[in-house]
Amino acid sequence: MIGKRIVKERPVPLAEVLKILEKKKKEGDLEYGQRLTYDYTQKFAELDNKKIGELMDELLKIEKIREHQAVVLVDLMPETKEDVELIFSKERTRLEEAEIKKVLELINKYRK
């Protein structure tokens, strides 16, 4: 890919990846890796972009949660306290019990 460079890098939820790949698919064929990613996102993207945006905004209001952590929470939609703790197990950030409860309440509000 000569002549292309990364201008900006940020974490994106699966639904946004799906939207990007659908647009690219309309323009032409997807490459092998893109097709695999497209299939994966079709299976596992649970929310639409509007709901994801709302949920991300609410999660980011919790002081300790950063953008990449919010993306993981939105993609995985954890159901239990242990699931949330597992997501944060390799992070420097540790959520308090009340914050974990708030995260689960927010996610359950948007769950299908």
PDB file of N, CA and C in Angstrom:
ATOM      1  N   MET A   1       0.831  -1.174   0.000  1.00  0.00           N
ATOM      2  CA  MET A   1       0.000   0.000   0.000  1.00  0.00           C
ATOM      3  C   MET A   1       0.880   1.244   0.000  1.00  0.00           C
ATOM      4  N   ILE A   2       1.607   1.409  -1.014  1.00  0.00           N
ATOM      5  CA  ILE A   2       2.493   2.560  -1.140  1.00  0.00           C
ATOM      6  C   ILE A   2       1.645   3.821  -1.272  1.00  0.00           C
ATOM      7  N   GLY A   3       2.061   4.854  -0.576  1.00  0.00           N
ATOM      8  CA  GLY A   3       1.359   6.125  -0.671  1.00  0.00           C
ATOM      9  C   GLY A   3       0.258   6.297   0.356  1.00  0.00           C
ATOM     10  N   LYS A   4      -0.023   5.280   1.159  1.00  0.00           N
ATOM     11  CA  LYS A   4      -1.046   5.416   2.184  1.00  0.00           C
ATOM     12  C   LYS A   4      -0.367   5.473   3.542  1.00  0.00           C
ATOM     13  N   ARG A   5      -0.944   6.261   4.404  1.00  0.00           N
ATOM     14  CA  ARG A   5      -0.386   6.379   5.751  1.00  0.00           C
ATOM     15  C   ARG A   5      -1.528   6.528   6.746  1.00  0.00           C
ATOM     16  N   ILE A   6      -1.235   6.262   7.974  1.00  0.00           N
ATOM     17  CA  ILE A   6      -2.230   6.402   9.032  1.00  0.00           C
ATOM     18  C   ILE A   6      -2.290   7.869   9.424  1.00  0.00           C
ATOM     19  N   VAL A   7      -3.473   8.439   9.315  1.00  0.00           N
ATOM     20  CA  VAL A   7      -3.658   9.833   9.673  1.00  0.00           C
ATOM     21  C   VAL A   7      -4.151   9.949  11.102  1.00  0.00           C
ATOM     22  N   LYS A   8      -5.055   9.055  11.470  1.00  0.00           N
ATOM     23  CA  LYS A   8      -5.633   9.068  12.807  1.00  0.00           C
ATOM     24  C   LYS A   8      -5.976   7.645  13.198  1.00  0.00           C
ATOM     25  N   GLU A   9      -5.779   7.336  14.455  1.00  0.00           N
ATOM     26  CA  GLU A   9      -6.079   5.996  14.929  1.00  0.00           C
ATOM     27  C   GLU A   9      -6.922   6.107  16.191  1.00  0.00           C
ATOM     28  N   ARG A  10      -8.034   5.372  16.215  1.00  0.00           N
ATOM     29  CA  ARG A  10      -8.895   5.361  17.400  1.00  0.00           C
ATOM     30  C   ARG A  10      -9.666   4.046  17.439  1.00  0.00           C
ATOM     31  N   PRO A  11     -10.032   3.599  18.633  1.00  0.00           N
ATOM     32  CA  PRO A  11     -10.818   2.366  18.725  1.00  0.00           C
ATOM     33  C   PRO A  11     -12.244   2.610  18.253  1.00  0.00           C
ATOM     34  N   VAL A  12     -12.800   1.640  17.536  1.00  0.00           N
ATOM     35  CA  VAL A  12     -14.181   1.764  17.056  1.00  0.00           C
ATOM     36  C   VAL A  12     -14.953   0.498  17.405  1.00  0.00           C
ATOM     37  N   PRO A  13     -16.229   0.655  17.729  1.00  0.00           N
ATOM     38  CA  PRO A  13     -17.059  -0.512  18.031  1.00  0.00           C
ATOM     39  C   PRO A  13     -17.330  -1.345  16.776  1.00  0.00           C
ATOM     40  N   LEU A  14     -17.718  -2.593  16.981  1.00  0.00           N
ATOM     41  CA  LEU A  14     -17.974  -3.507  15.869  1.00  0.00           C
ATOM     42  C   LEU A  14     -19.015  -2.972  14.893  1.00  0.00           C
ATOM     43  N   ALA A  15     -20.055  -2.321  15.402  1.00  0.00           N
ATOM     44  CA  ALA A  15     -21.101  -1.811  14.506  1.00  0.00           C
ATOM     45  C   ALA A  15     -20.558  -0.752  13.552  1.00  0.00           C
ATOM     46  N   GLU A  16     -19.614   0.042  14.029  1.00  0.00           N
ATOM     47  CA  GLU A  16     -18.997   1.052  13.158  1.00  0.00           C
ATOM     48  C   GLU A  16     -18.093   0.387  12.123  1.00  0.00           C
ATOM     49  N   VAL A  17     -17.402  -0.670  12.525  1.00  0.00           N
ATOM     50  CA  VAL A  17     -16.585  -1.435  11.582  1.00  0.00           C
ATOM     51  C   VAL A  17     -17.476  -2.017  10.490  1.00  0.00           C
ATOM     52  N   LEU A  18     -18.616  -2.554  10.900  1.00  0.00           N
ATOM     53  CA  LEU A  18     -19.568  -3.121   9.940  1.00  0.00           C
ATOM     54  C   LEU A  18     -20.033  -2.058   8.952  1.00  0.00           C
ATOM     55  N   LYS A  19     -20.338  -0.886   9.447  1.00  0.00           N
ATOM     56  CA  LYS A  19     -20.778   0.216   8.583  1.00  0.00           C
ATOM     57  C   LYS A  19     -19.688   0.596   7.578  1.00  0.00           C
ATOM     58  N   ILE A  20     -18.453   0.671   8.038  1.00  0.00           N
ATOM     59  CA  ILE A  20     -17.320   1.008   7.162  1.00  0.00           C
ATOM     60  C   ILE A  20     -17.142  -0.052   6.082  1.00  0.00           C
ATOM     61  N   LEU A  21     -17.220  -1.321   6.484  1.00  0.00           N
ATOM     62  CA  LEU A  21     -17.029  -2.406   5.524  1.00  0.00           C
ATOM     63  C   LEU A  21     -18.196  -2.519   4.545  1.00  0.00           C
ATOM     64  N   GLU A  22     -19.412  -2.220   4.995  1.00  0.00           N
ATOM     65  CA  GLU A  22     -20.546  -2.229   4.071  1.00  0.00           C
ATOM     66  C   GLU A  22     -20.379  -1.154   3.003  1.00  0.00           C
ATOM     67  N   LYS A  23     -19.893   0.006   3.410  1.00  0.00           N
ATOM     68  CA  LYS A  23     -19.635   1.086   2.452  1.00  0.00           C
ATOM     69  C   LYS A  23     -18.551   0.664   1.458  1.00  0.00           C
ATOM     70  N   LYS A  24     -17.491   0.061   1.966  1.00  0.00           N
ATOM     71  CA  LYS A  24     -16.394  -0.395   1.110  1.00  0.00           C
ATOM     72  C   LYS A  24     -16.868  -1.508   0.171  1.00  0.00           C
ATOM     73  N   LYS A  25     -17.764  -2.360   0.659  1.00  0.00           N
ATOM     74  CA  LYS A  25     -18.288  -3.461  -0.154  1.00  0.00           C
ATOM     75  C   LYS A  25     -19.102  -2.931  -1.336  1.00  0.00           C
ATOM     76  N   LYS A  26     -19.848  -1.854  -1.124  1.00  0.00           N
ATOM     77  CA  LYS A  26     -20.620  -1.246  -2.205  1.00  0.00           C
ATOM     78  C   LYS A  26     -19.711  -0.663  -3.279  1.00  0.00           C
ATOM     79  N   GLU A  27     -18.519  -0.205  -2.872  1.00  0.00           N
ATOM     80  CA  GLU A  27     -17.563   0.379  -3.817  1.00  0.00           C
ATOM     81  C   GLU A  27     -16.853  -0.691  -4.639  1.00  0.00           C
ATOM     82  N   GLY A  28     -16.775  -1.891  -4.132  1.00  0.00           N
ATOM     83  CA  GLY A  28     -16.087  -2.981  -4.826  1.00  0.00           C
ATOM     84  C   GLY A  28     -15.924  -4.172  -3.908  1.00  0.00           C
ATOM     85  N   ASP A  29     -15.196  -5.174  -4.379  1.00  0.00           N
ATOM     86  CA  ASP A  29     -14.985  -6.390  -3.590  1.00  0.00           C
ATOM     87  C   ASP A  29     -14.100  -6.120  -2.384  1.00  0.00           C
ATOM     88  N   LEU A  30     -14.375  -6.886  -1.329  1.00  0.00           N
ATOM     89  CA  LEU A  30     -13.552  -6.813  -0.130  1.00  0.00           C
ATOM     90  C   LEU A  30     -12.392  -7.790  -0.262  1.00  0.00           C
ATOM     91  N   GLU A  31     -11.264  -7.432   0.331  1.00  0.00           N
ATOM     92  CA  GLU A  31     -10.125  -8.346   0.378  1.00  0.00           C
ATOM     93  C   GLU A  31     -10.435  -9.458   1.370  1.00  0.00           C
ATOM     94  N   TYR A  32      -9.624 -10.497   1.374  1.00  0.00           N
ATOM     95  CA  TYR A  32      -9.868 -11.676   2.208  1.00  0.00           C
ATOM     96  C   TYR A  32     -10.047 -11.306   3.684  1.00  0.00           C
ATOM     97  N   GLY A  33      -9.107 -10.561   4.246  1.00  0.00           N
ATOM     98  CA  GLY A  33      -9.190 -10.171   5.656  1.00  0.00           C
ATOM     99  C   GLY A  33     -10.406  -9.317   5.945  1.00  0.00           C
ATOM    100  N   GLN A  34     -10.762  -8.472   5.002  1.00  0.00           N
ATOM    101  CA  GLN A  34     -11.943  -7.631   5.163  1.00  0.00           C
ATOM    102  C   GLN A  34     -13.217  -8.472   5.139  1.00  0.00           C
ATOM    103  N   ARG A  35     -13.256  -9.498   4.291  1.00  0.00           N
ATOM    104  CA  ARG A  35     -14.423 -10.377   4.239  1.00  0.00           C
ATOM    105  C   ARG A  35     -14.596 -11.126   5.557  1.00  0.00           C
ATOM    106  N   LEU A  36     -13.489 -11.606   6.111  1.00  0.00           N
ATOM    107  CA  LEU A  36     -13.559 -12.299   7.393  1.00  0.00           C
ATOM    108  C   LEU A  36     -14.076 -11.361   8.492  1.00  0.00           C
ATOM    109  N   THR A  37     -13.557 -10.150   8.507  1.00  0.00           N
ATOM    110  CA  THR A  37     -13.983  -9.162   9.489  1.00  0.00           C
ATOM    111  C   THR A  37     -15.447  -8.801   9.296  1.00  0.00           C
ATOM    112  N   TYR A  38     -15.862  -8.672   8.044  1.00  0.00           N
ATOM    113  CA  TYR A  38     -17.251  -8.354   7.720  1.00  0.00           C
ATOM    114  C   TYR A  38     -18.184  -9.448   8.249  1.00  0.00           C
ATOM    115  N   ASP A  39     -17.839 -10.705   8.010  1.00  0.00           N
ATOM    116  CA  ASP A  39     -18.649 -11.824   8.502  1.00  0.00           C
ATOM    117  C   ASP A  39     -18.732 -11.817  10.031  1.00  0.00           C
ATOM    118  N   TYR A  40     -17.586 -11.574  10.670  1.00  0.00           N
ATOM    119  CA  TYR A  40     -17.527 -11.542  12.133  1.00  0.00           C
ATOM    120  C   TYR A  40     -18.405 -10.426  12.688  1.00  0.00           C
ATOM    121  N   THR A  41     -18.290  -9.240  12.104  1.00  0.00           N
ATOM    122  CA  THR A  41     -19.069  -8.115  12.624  1.00  0.00           C
ATOM    123  C   THR A  41     -20.562  -8.309  12.403  1.00  0.00           C
ATOM    124  N   GLN A  42     -20.941  -8.962  11.312  1.00  0.00           N
ATOM    125  CA  GLN A  42     -22.358  -9.236  11.082  1.00  0.00           C
ATOM    126  C   GLN A  42     -22.921 -10.151  12.175  1.00  0.00           C
ATOM    127  N   LYS A  43     -22.111 -11.083  12.642  1.00  0.00           N
ATOM    128  CA  LYS A  43     -22.562 -12.035  13.659  1.00  0.00           C
ATOM    129  C   LYS A  43     -22.601 -11.419  15.057  1.00  0.00           C
ATOM    130  N   PHE A  44     -21.630 -10.557  15.365  1.00  0.00           N
ATOM    131  CA  PHE A  44     -21.445 -10.155  16.751  1.00  0.00           C
ATOM    132  C   PHE A  44     -21.737  -8.692  17.076  1.00  0.00           C
ATOM    133  N   ALA A  45     -21.992  -7.852  16.117  1.00  0.00           N
ATOM    134  CA  ALA A  45     -22.352  -6.460  16.416  1.00  0.00           C
ATOM    135  C   ALA A  45     -23.791  -6.448  16.914  1.00  0.00           C
ATOM    136  N   GLU A  46     -23.976  -6.115  18.183  1.00  0.00           N
ATOM    137  CA  GLU A  46     -25.295  -6.240  18.801  1.00  0.00           C
ATOM    138  C   GLU A  46     -26.161  -4.994  18.676  1.00  0.00           C
ATOM    139  N   LEU A  47     -25.565  -3.822  18.658  1.00  0.00           N
ATOM    140  CA  LEU A  47     -26.327  -2.584  18.664  1.00  0.00           C
ATOM    141  C   LEU A  47     -26.114  -1.799  17.371  1.00  0.00           C
ATOM    142  N   ASP A  48     -27.055  -0.909  17.068  1.00  0.00           N
ATOM    143  CA  ASP A  48     -26.856  -0.031  15.916  1.00  0.00           C
ATOM    144  C   ASP A  48     -26.009   1.174  16.347  1.00  0.00           C
ATOM    145  N   ASN A  49     -25.540   1.938  15.377  1.00  0.00           N
ATOM    146  CA  ASN A  49     -24.619   3.041  15.655  1.00  0.00           C
ATOM    147  C   ASN A  49     -25.201   4.100  16.578  1.00  0.00           C
ATOM    148  N   LYS A  50     -26.489   4.381  16.459  1.00  0.00           N
ATOM    149  CA  LYS A  50     -27.109   5.412  17.304  1.00  0.00           C
ATOM    150  C   LYS A  50     -27.073   4.980  18.768  1.00  0.00           C
ATOM    151  N   LYS A  51     -27.488   3.742  19.029  1.00  0.00           N
ATOM    152  CA  LYS A  51     -27.497   3.240  20.407  1.00  0.00           C
ATOM    153  C   LYS A  51     -26.069   3.130  20.958  1.00  0.00           C
ATOM    154  N   ILE A  52     -25.151   2.736  20.088  1.00  0.00           N
ATOM    155  CA  ILE A  52     -23.755   2.633  20.523  1.00  0.00           C
ATOM    156  C   ILE A  52     -23.228   3.995  20.932  1.00  0.00           C
ATOM    157  N   GLY A  53     -23.529   5.004  20.131  1.00  0.00           N
ATOM    158  CA  GLY A  53     -23.084   6.359  20.461  1.00  0.00           C
ATOM    159  C   GLY A  53     -23.622   6.820  21.805  1.00  0.00           C
ATOM    160  N   GLU A  54     -24.900   6.550  22.045  1.00  0.00           N
ATOM    161  CA  GLU A  54     -25.517   6.932  23.315  1.00  0.00           C
ATOM    162  C   GLU A  54     -24.878   6.189  24.483  1.00  0.00           C
ATOM    163  N   LEU A  55     -24.716   4.872  24.326  1.00  0.00           N
ATOM    164  CA  LEU A  55     -24.120   4.061  25.390  1.00  0.00           C
ATOM    165  C   LEU A  55     -22.672   4.472  25.647  1.00  0.00           C
ATOM    166  N   MET A  56     -21.924   4.717  24.579  1.00  0.00           N
ATOM    167  CA  MET A  56     -20.520   5.149  24.739  1.00  0.00           C
ATOM    168  C   MET A  56     -20.464   6.464  25.521  1.00  0.00           C
ATOM    169  N   ASP A  57     -21.323   7.412  25.173  1.00  0.00           N
ATOM    170  CA  ASP A  57     -21.346   8.700  25.881  1.00  0.00           C
ATOM    171  C   ASP A  57     -21.622   8.506  27.359  1.00  0.00           C
ATOM    172  N   GLU A  58     -22.581   7.644  27.668  1.00  0.00           N
ATOM    173  CA  GLU A  58     -22.916   7.405  29.073  1.00  0.00           C
ATOM    174  C   GLU A  58     -21.787   6.693  29.814  1.00  0.00           C
ATOM    175  N   LEU A  59     -21.142   5.733  29.151  1.00  0.00           N
ATOM    176  CA  LEU A  59     -20.026   5.028  29.795  1.00  0.00           C
ATOM    177  C   LEU A  59     -18.846   5.969  30.029  1.00  0.00           C
ATOM    178  N   LEU A  60     -18.597   6.858  29.082  1.00  0.00           N
ATOM    179  CA  LEU A  60     -17.462   7.782  29.219  1.00  0.00           C
ATOM    180  C   LEU A  60     -17.696   8.833  30.301  1.00  0.00           C
ATOM    181  N   LYS A  61     -18.929   8.978  30.757  1.00  0.00           N
ATOM    182  CA  LYS A  61     -19.209   9.891  31.871  1.00  0.00           C
ATOM    183  C   LYS A  61     -18.689   9.327  33.188  1.00  0.00           C
ATOM    184  N   ILE A  62     -18.501   8.009  33.221  1.00  0.00           N
ATOM    185  CA  ILE A  62     -17.894   7.389  34.407  1.00  0.00           C
ATOM    186  C   ILE A  62     -16.413   7.734  34.350  1.00  0.00           C
ATOM    187  N   GLU A  63     -15.938   8.389  35.365  1.00  0.00           N
ATOM    188  CA  GLU A  63     -14.612   9.016  35.356  1.00  0.00           C
ATOM    189  C   GLU A  63     -13.458   8.085  34.987  1.00  0.00           C
ATOM    190  N   LYS A  64     -13.471   6.869  35.453  1.00  0.00           N
ATOM    191  CA  LYS A  64     -12.331   5.968  35.258  1.00  0.00           C
ATOM    192  C   LYS A  64     -12.312   5.268  33.902  1.00  0.00           C
ATOM    193  N   ILE A  65     -13.395   5.346  33.148  1.00  0.00           N
ATOM    194  CA  ILE A  65     -13.474   4.607  31.881  1.00  0.00           C
ATOM    195  C   ILE A  65     -12.957   5.473  30.740  1.00  0.00           C
ATOM    196  N   ARG A  66     -11.996   4.909  29.999  1.00  0.00           N
ATOM    197  CA  ARG A  66     -11.444   5.587  28.818  1.00  0.00           C
ATOM    198  C   ARG A  66     -12.109   5.038  27.567  1.00  0.00           C
ATOM    199  N   GLU A  67     -11.831   5.686  26.440  1.00  0.00           N
ATOM    200  CA  GLU A  67     -12.532   5.362  25.196  1.00  0.00           C
ATOM    201  C   GLU A  67     -12.351   3.899  24.785  1.00  0.00           C
ATOM    202  N   HIS A  68     -11.127   3.389  24.823  1.00  0.00           N
ATOM    203  CA  HIS A  68     -10.909   2.008  24.377  1.00  0.00           C
ATOM    204  C   HIS A  68     -11.614   1.006  25.298  1.00  0.00           C
ATOM    205  N   GLN A  69     -11.737   1.333  26.572  1.00  0.00           N
ATOM    206  CA  GLN A  69     -12.446   0.462  27.500  1.00  0.00           C
ATOM    207  C   GLN A  69     -13.950   0.495  27.230  1.00  0.00           C
ATOM    208  N   ALA A  70     -14.469   1.667  26.901  1.00  0.00           N
ATOM    209  CA  ALA A  70     -15.889   1.798  26.577  1.00  0.00           C
ATOM    210  C   ALA A  70     -16.223   0.995  25.316  1.00  0.00           C
ATOM    211  N   VAL A  71     -15.316   1.008  24.337  1.00  0.00           N
ATOM    212  CA  VAL A  71     -15.535   0.241  23.103  1.00  0.00           C
ATOM    213  C   VAL A  71     -15.610  -1.254  23.420  1.00  0.00           C
ATOM    214  N   VAL A  72     -14.712  -1.732  24.252  1.00  0.00           N
ATOM    215  CA  VAL A  72     -14.726  -3.152  24.627  1.00  0.00           C
ATOM    216  C   VAL A  72     -16.018  -3.494  25.372  1.00  0.00           C
ATOM    217  N   LEU A  73     -16.436  -2.628  26.282  1.00  0.00           N
ATOM    218  CA  LEU A  73     -17.674  -2.867  27.014  1.00  0.00           C
ATOM    219  C   LEU A  73     -18.873  -2.916  26.077  1.00  0.00           C
ATOM    220  N   VAL A  74     -18.922  -2.010  25.104  1.00  0.00           N
ATOM    221  CA  VAL A  74     -20.031  -1.974  24.142  1.00  0.00           C
ATOM    222  C   VAL A  74     -20.019  -3.211  23.247  1.00  0.00           C
ATOM    223  N   ASP A  75     -18.838  -3.638  22.827  1.00  0.00           N
ATOM    224  CA  ASP A  75     -18.741  -4.807  21.953  1.00  0.00           C
ATOM    225  C   ASP A  75     -19.095  -6.104  22.672  1.00  0.00           C
ATOM    226  N   LEU A  76     -18.645  -6.242  23.907  1.00  0.00           N
ATOM    227  CA  LEU A  76     -18.851  -7.498  24.633  1.00  0.00           C
ATOM    228  C   LEU A  76     -20.147  -7.538  25.427  1.00  0.00           C
ATOM    229  N   MET A  77     -20.694  -6.386  25.768  1.00  0.00           N
ATOM    230  CA  MET A  77     -21.950  -6.301  26.526  1.00  0.00           C
ATOM    231  C   MET A  77     -21.942  -7.271  27.722  1.00  0.00           C
ATOM    232  N   PRO A  78     -21.035  -7.077  28.676  1.00  0.00           N
ATOM    233  CA  PRO A  78     -20.938  -8.005  29.810  1.00  0.00           C
ATOM    234  C   PRO A  78     -22.231  -8.065  30.605  1.00  0.00           C
ATOM    235  N   GLU A  79     -22.492  -9.246  31.161  1.00  0.00           N
ATOM    236  CA  GLU A  79     -23.743  -9.478  31.888  1.00  0.00           C
ATOM    237  C   GLU A  79     -23.560  -9.528  33.396  1.00  0.00           C
ATOM    238  N   THR A  80     -22.351  -9.824  33.852  1.00  0.00           N
ATOM    239  CA  THR A  80     -22.117  -9.977  35.288  1.00  0.00           C
ATOM    240  C   THR A  80     -20.961  -9.104  35.758  1.00  0.00           C
ATOM    241  N   LYS A  81     -20.897  -8.961  37.063  1.00  0.00           N
ATOM    242  CA  LYS A  81     -19.809  -8.210  37.700  1.00  0.00           C
ATOM    243  C   LYS A  81     -18.460  -8.835  37.330  1.00  0.00           C
ATOM    244  N   GLU A  82     -18.409 -10.158  37.317  1.00  0.00           N
ATOM    245  CA  GLU A  82     -17.172 -10.865  37.004  1.00  0.00           C
ATOM    246  C   GLU A  82     -16.720 -10.579  35.568  1.00  0.00           C
ATOM    247  N   ASP A  83     -17.689 -10.470  34.649  1.00  0.00           N
ATOM    248  CA  ASP A  83     -17.349 -10.147  33.259  1.00  0.00           C
ATOM    249  C   ASP A  83     -16.686  -8.778  33.164  1.00  0.00           C
ATOM    250  N   VAL A  84     -17.242  -7.808  33.877  1.00  0.00           N
ATOM    251  CA  VAL A  84     -16.675  -6.450  33.865  1.00  0.00           C
ATOM    252  C   VAL A  84     -15.284  -6.466  34.487  1.00  0.00           C
ATOM    253  N   GLU A  85     -15.133  -7.163  35.600  1.00  0.00           N
ATOM    254  CA  GLU A  85     -13.829  -7.258  36.263  1.00  0.00           C
ATOM    255  C   GLU A  85     -12.799  -7.915  35.343  1.00  0.00           C
ATOM    256  N   LEU A  86     -13.216  -8.907  34.588  1.00  0.00           N
ATOM    257  CA  LEU A  86     -12.323  -9.582  33.652  1.00  0.00           C
ATOM    258  C   LEU A  86     -11.854  -8.630  32.550  1.00  0.00           C
ATOM    259  N   ILE A  87     -12.756  -7.807  32.050  1.00  0.00           N
ATOM    260  CA  ILE A  87     -12.402  -6.835  31.018  1.00  0.00           C
ATOM    261  C   ILE A  87     -11.342  -5.868  31.541  1.00  0.00           C
ATOM    262  N   PHE A  88     -11.446  -5.488  32.797  1.00  0.00           N
ATOM    263  CA  PHE A  88     -10.517  -4.528  33.391  1.00  0.00           C
ATOM    264  C   PHE A  88      -9.322  -5.194  34.082  1.00  0.00           C
ATOM    265  N   SER A  89      -9.208  -6.510  34.009  1.00  0.00           N
ATOM    266  CA  SER A  89      -8.160  -7.218  34.747  1.00  0.00           C
ATOM    267  C   SER A  89      -6.742  -6.852  34.307  1.00  0.00           C
ATOM    268  N   LYS A  90      -6.547  -6.529  33.047  1.00  0.00           N
ATOM    269  CA  LYS A  90      -5.197  -6.179  32.570  1.00  0.00           C
ATOM    270  C   LYS A  90      -5.003  -4.673  32.457  1.00  0.00           C
ATOM    271  N   GLU A  91      -5.971  -3.919  32.897  1.00  0.00           N
ATOM    272  CA  GLU A  91      -5.886  -2.465  32.853  1.00  0.00           C
ATOM    273  C   GLU A  91      -5.319  -1.947  34.167  1.00  0.00           C
ATOM    274  N   ARG A  92      -4.778  -0.767  34.120  1.00  0.00           N
ATOM    275  CA  ARG A  92      -4.320  -0.133  35.354  1.00  0.00           C
ATOM    276  C   ARG A  92      -5.497   0.384  36.166  1.00  0.00           C
ATOM    277  N   THR A  93      -6.598   0.600  35.490  1.00  0.00           N
ATOM    278  CA  THR A  93      -7.800   1.123  36.122  1.00  0.00           C
ATOM    279  C   THR A  93      -8.551   0.005  36.834  1.00  0.00           C
ATOM    280  N   ARG A  94      -8.957   0.265  38.043  1.00  0.00           N
ATOM    281  CA  ARG A  94      -9.798  -0.670  38.793  1.00  0.00           C
ATOM    282  C   ARG A  94     -11.103   0.048  39.111  1.00  0.00           C
ATOM    283  N   LEU A  95     -12.202  -0.567  38.741  1.00  0.00           N
ATOM    284  CA  LEU A  95     -13.495   0.022  39.024  1.00  0.00           C
ATOM    285  C   LEU A  95     -13.965  -0.397  40.413  1.00  0.00           C
ATOM    286  N   GLU A  96     -14.586   0.532  41.100  1.00  0.00           N
ATOM    287  CA  GLU A  96     -15.182   0.247  42.405  1.00  0.00           C
ATOM    288  C   GLU A  96     -16.492  -0.515  42.177  1.00  0.00           C
ATOM    289  N   GLU A  97     -16.998  -1.094  43.224  1.00  0.00           N
ATOM    290  CA  GLU A  97     -18.247  -1.871  43.163  1.00  0.00           C
ATOM    291  C   GLU A  97     -19.406  -1.041  42.588  1.00  0.00           C
ATOM    292  N   ALA A  98     -19.529   0.200  43.043  1.00  0.00           N
ATOM    293  CA  ALA A  98     -20.617   1.072  42.575  1.00  0.00           C
ATOM    294  C   ALA A  98     -20.463   1.396  41.090  1.00  0.00           C
ATOM    295  N   GLU A  99     -19.231   1.558  40.635  1.00  0.00           N
ATOM    296  CA  GLU A  99     -18.988   1.857  39.218  1.00  0.00           C
ATOM    297  C   GLU A  99     -19.321   0.643  38.344  1.00  0.00           C
ATOM    298  N   ILE A 100     -18.982  -0.542  38.814  1.00  0.00           N
ATOM    299  CA  ILE A 100     -19.309  -1.769  38.079  1.00  0.00           C
ATOM    300  C   ILE A 100     -20.829  -1.910  37.978  1.00  0.00           C
ATOM    301  N   LYS A 101     -21.509  -1.631  39.077  1.00  0.00           N
ATOM    302  CA  LYS A 101     -22.971  -1.709  39.081  1.00  0.00           C
ATOM    303  C   LYS A 101     -23.554  -0.711  38.076  1.00  0.00           C
ATOM    304  N   LYS A 102     -23.007   0.494  38.031  1.00  0.00           N
ATOM    305  CA  LYS A 102     -23.475   1.521  37.092  1.00  0.00           C
ATOM    306  C   LYS A 102     -23.245   1.079  35.643  1.00  0.00           C
ATOM    307  N   VAL A 103     -22.080   0.484  35.364  1.00  0.00           N
ATOM    308  CA  VAL A 103     -21.766  -0.014  34.021  1.00  0.00           C
ATOM    309  C   VAL A 103     -22.790  -1.069  33.607  1.00  0.00           C
ATOM    310  N   LEU A 104     -23.067  -2.013  34.484  1.00  0.00           N
ATOM    311  CA  LEU A 104     -24.026  -3.074  34.171  1.00  0.00           C
ATOM    312  C   LEU A 104     -25.437  -2.524  33.967  1.00  0.00           C
ATOM    313  N   GLU A 105     -25.820  -1.531  34.768  1.00  0.00           N
ATOM    314  CA  GLU A 105     -27.138  -0.909  34.596  1.00  0.00           C
ATOM    315  C   GLU A 105     -27.245  -0.238  33.228  1.00  0.00           C
ATOM    316  N   LEU A 106     -26.193   0.488  32.835  1.00  0.00           N
ATOM    317  CA  LEU A 106     -26.196   1.165  31.536  1.00  0.00           C
ATOM    318  C   LEU A 106     -26.278   0.165  30.396  1.00  0.00           C
ATOM    319  N   ILE A 107     -25.489  -0.896  30.479  1.00  0.00           N
ATOM    320  CA  ILE A 107     -25.460  -1.890  29.417  1.00  0.00           C
ATOM    321  C   ILE A 107     -26.809  -2.610  29.334  1.00  0.00           C
ATOM    322  N   ASN A 108     -27.385  -2.949  30.470  1.00  0.00           N
ATOM    323  CA  ASN A 108     -28.678  -3.632  30.461  1.00  0.00           C
ATOM    324  C   ASN A 108     -29.780  -2.754  29.882  1.00  0.00           C
ATOM    325  N   LYS A 109     -29.647  -1.450  30.055  1.00  0.00           N
ATOM    326  CA  LYS A 109     -30.624  -0.509  29.503  1.00  0.00           C
ATOM    327  C   LYS A 109     -30.630  -0.562  27.959  1.00  0.00           C
ATOM    328  N   TYR A 110     -29.469  -0.847  27.352  1.00  0.00           N
ATOM    329  CA  TYR A 110     -29.336  -0.865  25.902  1.00  0.00           C
ATOM    330  C   TYR A 110     -29.340  -2.270  25.302  1.00  0.00           C
ATOM    331  N   ARG A 111     -29.388  -3.275  26.135  1.00  0.00           N
ATOM    332  CA  ARG A 111     -29.349  -4.657  25.645  1.00  0.00           C
ATOM    333  C   ARG A 111     -30.609  -4.973  24.847  1.00  0.00           C
ATOM    334  N   LYS A 112     -30.448  -5.757  23.782  1.00  0.00           N
ATOM    335  CA  LYS A 112     -31.594  -6.135  22.940  1.00  0.00           C
ATOM    336  C   LYS A 112     -32.503  -7.091  23.656  1.00  0.00           C
TER     337      LYS A 112
END
